[in-house]
Amino acid sequence: MKPVYLIGYMGCGKTTLGEVLARQMGMHYIDLDEVIEARQGMSINSIFEELGETRFRELEIQALQDTATMTDVIIGTGGGTPCHGDNMALMKQAGITVWLTTSPERITARLLVPEQKCKRPKVCHLPDEDVLPLVKAELQARTPFYSQAQMRFDSTDIETAEATERTACRLAALLQE
């Protein structure tokens, strides 16, 4: 099977759902940010702080291009991946793109979990009350890119392990049609 690219805003569930989906479908899960971190030997936060966003985006494009010829993989992209360069066109040509959606309020609640917030360069230094306005503004700006995905899938119900299993099962069925 061609690569399945999970796209959407940070906190929409790409990793949580992607890992379960890959297991259910007998595929491998690849987190694009983890690939970049392993190659650079530093965290995404450190890459942003030390090398800047422009360099991060270059590294992201390289990692994304490396996935284009893979098979039987579910790939969780960064929230901004589809919005830069020709990334969306590359993903659509190489595989299946799935836009994971949920409400800005649900995304914000997920991002405000301390162990999540500290891993997110865009929100780690923001006061909690500034996160929802950022999420809403960035979702609005990114929707034209996300909406180019071949599929749109509601990832709201992944708050428990059981719910994530059910949600992944629904997405697997759609991908296998």
Protein backbone atom coordinates (compact mmCIF):
# COMPACT_ATOMS: atom_id res chain seq x y z
CA MET A 1 0.00 0.00 0.00
CA LYS A 2 1.14 3.54 -0.76
CA PRO A 3 2.10 5.75 2.19
CA VAL A 4 -0.77 7.20 4.20
CA TYR A 5 0.02 10.75 5.33
CA LEU A 6 -1.85 12.02 8.37
CA ILE A 7 -2.02 15.80 8.25
CA GLY A 8 -3.64 18.38 10.48
CA TYR A 9 -2.91 20.88 13.19
CA MET A 10 -0.75 19.96 16.17
CA GLY A 11 -2.80 18.15 18.76
CA CYS A 12 -5.31 16.76 16.27
CA GLY A 13 -4.16 13.20 16.98
CA LYS A 14 -1.74 12.32 14.19
CA THR A 15 0.62 10.39 16.48
CA THR A 16 -1.98 8.97 18.87
CA LEU A 17 -4.23 7.74 16.07
CA GLY A 18 -1.39 6.97 13.65
CA GLU A 19 0.34 4.49 15.94
CA VAL A 20 -2.87 2.54 16.59
CA LEU A 21 -3.91 2.69 12.93
CA ALA A 22 -0.55 1.33 11.80
CA ARG A 23 -0.76 -1.56 14.25
CA GLN A 24 -4.31 -2.39 13.21
CA MET A 25 -3.40 -2.33 9.51
CA GLY A 26 -0.14 -4.28 9.93
CA MET A 27 1.90 -1.29 8.79
CA HIS A 28 4.73 0.77 10.26
CA TYR A 29 4.22 4.17 11.85
CA ILE A 30 6.67 6.96 11.11
CA ASP A 31 6.57 10.30 12.89
CA LEU A 32 8.21 12.82 10.57
CA ASP A 33 9.37 14.98 13.49
CA GLU A 34 11.04 11.96 15.12
CA VAL A 35 12.89 11.24 11.87
CA ILE A 36 14.17 14.82 11.81
CA GLU A 37 15.15 14.69 15.48
CA ALA A 38 17.08 11.43 14.98
CA ARG A 39 18.92 12.78 11.96
CA GLN A 40 19.86 16.03 13.69
CA GLY A 41 20.49 14.59 17.16
CA MET A 42 18.34 17.32 18.70
CA SER A 43 14.73 18.00 19.59
CA ILE A 44 12.34 19.92 17.35
CA ASN A 45 12.35 22.72 19.95
CA SER A 46 16.15 22.87 19.79
CA ILE A 47 16.15 22.85 15.99
CA PHE A 48 13.72 25.79 15.97
CA GLU A 49 15.73 27.68 18.62
CA GLU A 50 19.24 26.97 17.33
CA LEU A 51 18.79 26.57 13.56
CA GLY A 52 15.55 28.47 12.95
CA GLU A 53 12.28 27.58 11.27
CA THR A 54 13.68 27.97 7.75
CA ARG A 55 16.30 25.27 8.37
CA PHE A 56 13.71 23.08 10.08
CA ARG A 57 11.50 23.31 6.98
CA GLU A 58 14.43 22.27 4.77
CA LEU A 59 15.05 19.24 6.98
CA GLU A 60 11.34 18.46 6.92
CA ILE A 61 11.22 18.51 3.12
CA GLN A 62 14.20 16.13 2.95
CA ALA A 63 12.57 13.71 5.40
CA LEU A 64 9.25 13.92 3.55
CA GLN A 65 10.88 13.21 0.20
CA ASP A 66 12.47 10.09 1.70
CA THR A 67 9.00 8.72 2.55
CA ALA A 68 7.62 9.08 -0.99
CA THR A 69 8.80 5.67 -2.16
CA MET A 70 7.96 3.76 1.01
CA THR A 71 5.14 1.25 1.22
CA ASP A 72 2.98 0.01 4.08
CA VAL A 73 3.62 3.06 6.27
CA ILE A 74 1.44 5.51 8.14
CA ILE A 75 3.26 8.85 8.37
CA GLY A 76 2.38 11.48 10.94
CA THR A 77 3.47 14.84 9.58
CA GLY A 78 4.12 18.06 11.42
CA GLY A 79 1.20 20.47 11.62
CA GLY A 80 2.89 22.87 9.20
CA THR A 81 4.22 20.28 6.77
CA PRO A 82 1.41 20.61 4.18
CA CYS A 83 1.73 24.41 4.22
CA HIS A 84 5.29 24.72 2.93
CA GLY A 85 6.84 24.32 -0.47
CA ASP A 86 5.34 21.59 -2.63
CA ASN A 87 4.84 19.26 0.33
CA MET A 88 1.11 18.76 -0.17
CA ALA A 89 1.56 17.96 -3.86
CA LEU A 90 4.36 15.51 -3.02
CA MET A 91 2.26 13.70 -0.42
CA LYS A 92 -0.79 13.49 -2.69
CA GLN A 93 1.28 12.16 -5.57
CA ALA A 94 3.14 9.61 -3.41
CA GLY A 95 0.26 8.34 -1.32
CA ILE A 96 -3.02 9.05 0.44
CA THR A 97 -3.47 12.23 2.48
CA VAL A 98 -5.88 12.23 5.42
CA TRP A 99 -6.76 15.49 7.18
CA LEU A 100 -7.50 14.78 10.84
CA THR A 101 -9.97 17.30 12.22
CA THR A 102 -11.33 18.27 15.60
CA SER A 103 -12.43 21.50 17.23
CA PRO A 104 -10.00 24.27 18.19
CA GLU A 105 -11.17 23.84 21.79
CA ARG A 106 -10.32 20.12 21.80
CA ILE A 107 -6.93 20.81 20.21
CA THR A 108 -6.22 23.48 22.81
CA ALA A 109 -7.15 21.15 25.68
CA ARG A 110 -4.72 18.56 24.31
CA LEU A 111 -1.96 21.13 23.83
CA LEU A 112 -2.32 22.44 27.38
CA VAL A 113 -1.45 19.07 28.90
CA PRO A 114 1.96 19.97 30.38
CA GLU A 115 3.92 17.12 28.77
CA GLN A 116 2.45 18.10 25.39
CA LYS A 117 2.85 21.85 25.71
CA CYS A 118 6.56 21.64 26.50
CA LYS A 119 7.22 19.72 23.24
CA ARG A 120 5.53 22.28 20.97
CA PRO A 121 7.74 25.18 19.84
CA LYS A 122 4.79 27.38 18.93
CA VAL A 123 3.04 27.11 22.30
CA CYS A 124 5.67 26.13 24.87
CA HIS A 125 6.37 29.74 25.90
CA LEU A 126 2.81 31.07 25.58
CA PRO A 127 0.52 31.73 28.52
CA ASP A 128 -2.30 29.18 28.50
CA GLU A 129 -4.92 31.82 27.68
CA ASP A 130 -3.08 32.68 24.44
CA VAL A 131 -3.14 29.13 23.05
CA LEU A 132 -6.78 29.01 21.84
CA PRO A 133 -6.50 32.28 19.87
CA LEU A 134 -3.31 30.98 18.24
CA VAL A 135 -4.95 27.66 17.37
CA LYS A 136 -7.96 29.39 15.81
CA ALA A 137 -5.81 31.80 13.77
CA GLU A 138 -3.42 29.13 12.52
CA LEU A 139 -6.23 26.70 11.69
CA GLN A 140 -7.88 29.39 9.61
CA ALA A 141 -4.61 30.13 7.80
CA ARG A 142 -3.80 26.45 7.23
CA THR A 143 -7.24 25.22 6.19
CA PRO A 144 -6.64 25.98 2.48
CA PHE A 145 -3.68 23.58 2.59
CA TYR A 146 -5.27 20.92 4.79
CA SER A 147 -8.45 20.93 2.69
CA GLN A 148 -6.47 19.64 -0.30
CA ALA A 149 -6.23 16.22 1.38
CA GLN A 150 -7.89 13.30 -0.37
CA MET A 151 -9.77 12.40 2.83
CA ARG A 152 -11.06 14.30 5.84
CA PHE A 153 -11.52 12.36 9.07
CA ASP A 154 -12.84 13.44 12.48
CA SER A 155 -10.25 12.63 15.15
CA THR A 156 -12.18 14.00 18.11
CA ASP A 157 -12.82 10.66 19.83
CA ILE A 158 -9.31 9.55 20.80
CA GLU A 159 -9.28 10.54 24.46
CA THR A 160 -9.08 6.96 25.77
CA ALA A 161 -7.30 3.85 24.51
CA GLU A 162 -10.63 2.18 23.71
CA ALA A 163 -11.93 5.20 21.82
CA THR A 164 -8.69 5.44 19.86
CA GLU A 165 -8.97 1.77 18.88
CA ARG A 166 -12.53 2.31 17.62
CA THR A 167 -11.59 5.49 15.76
CA ALA A 168 -8.57 3.83 14.14
CA CYS A 169 -10.77 0.90 13.10
CA ARG A 170 -13.16 3.31 11.34
CA LEU A 171 -10.29 5.03 9.53
CA ALA A 172 -8.72 1.70 8.55
CA ALA A 173 -12.01 0.60 6.99
CA LEU A 174 -12.16 3.82 4.94
CA LEU A 175 -8.57 3.43 3.77
CA GLN A 176 -9.18 -0.16 2.68
CA GLU A 177 -12.25 0.68 0.56
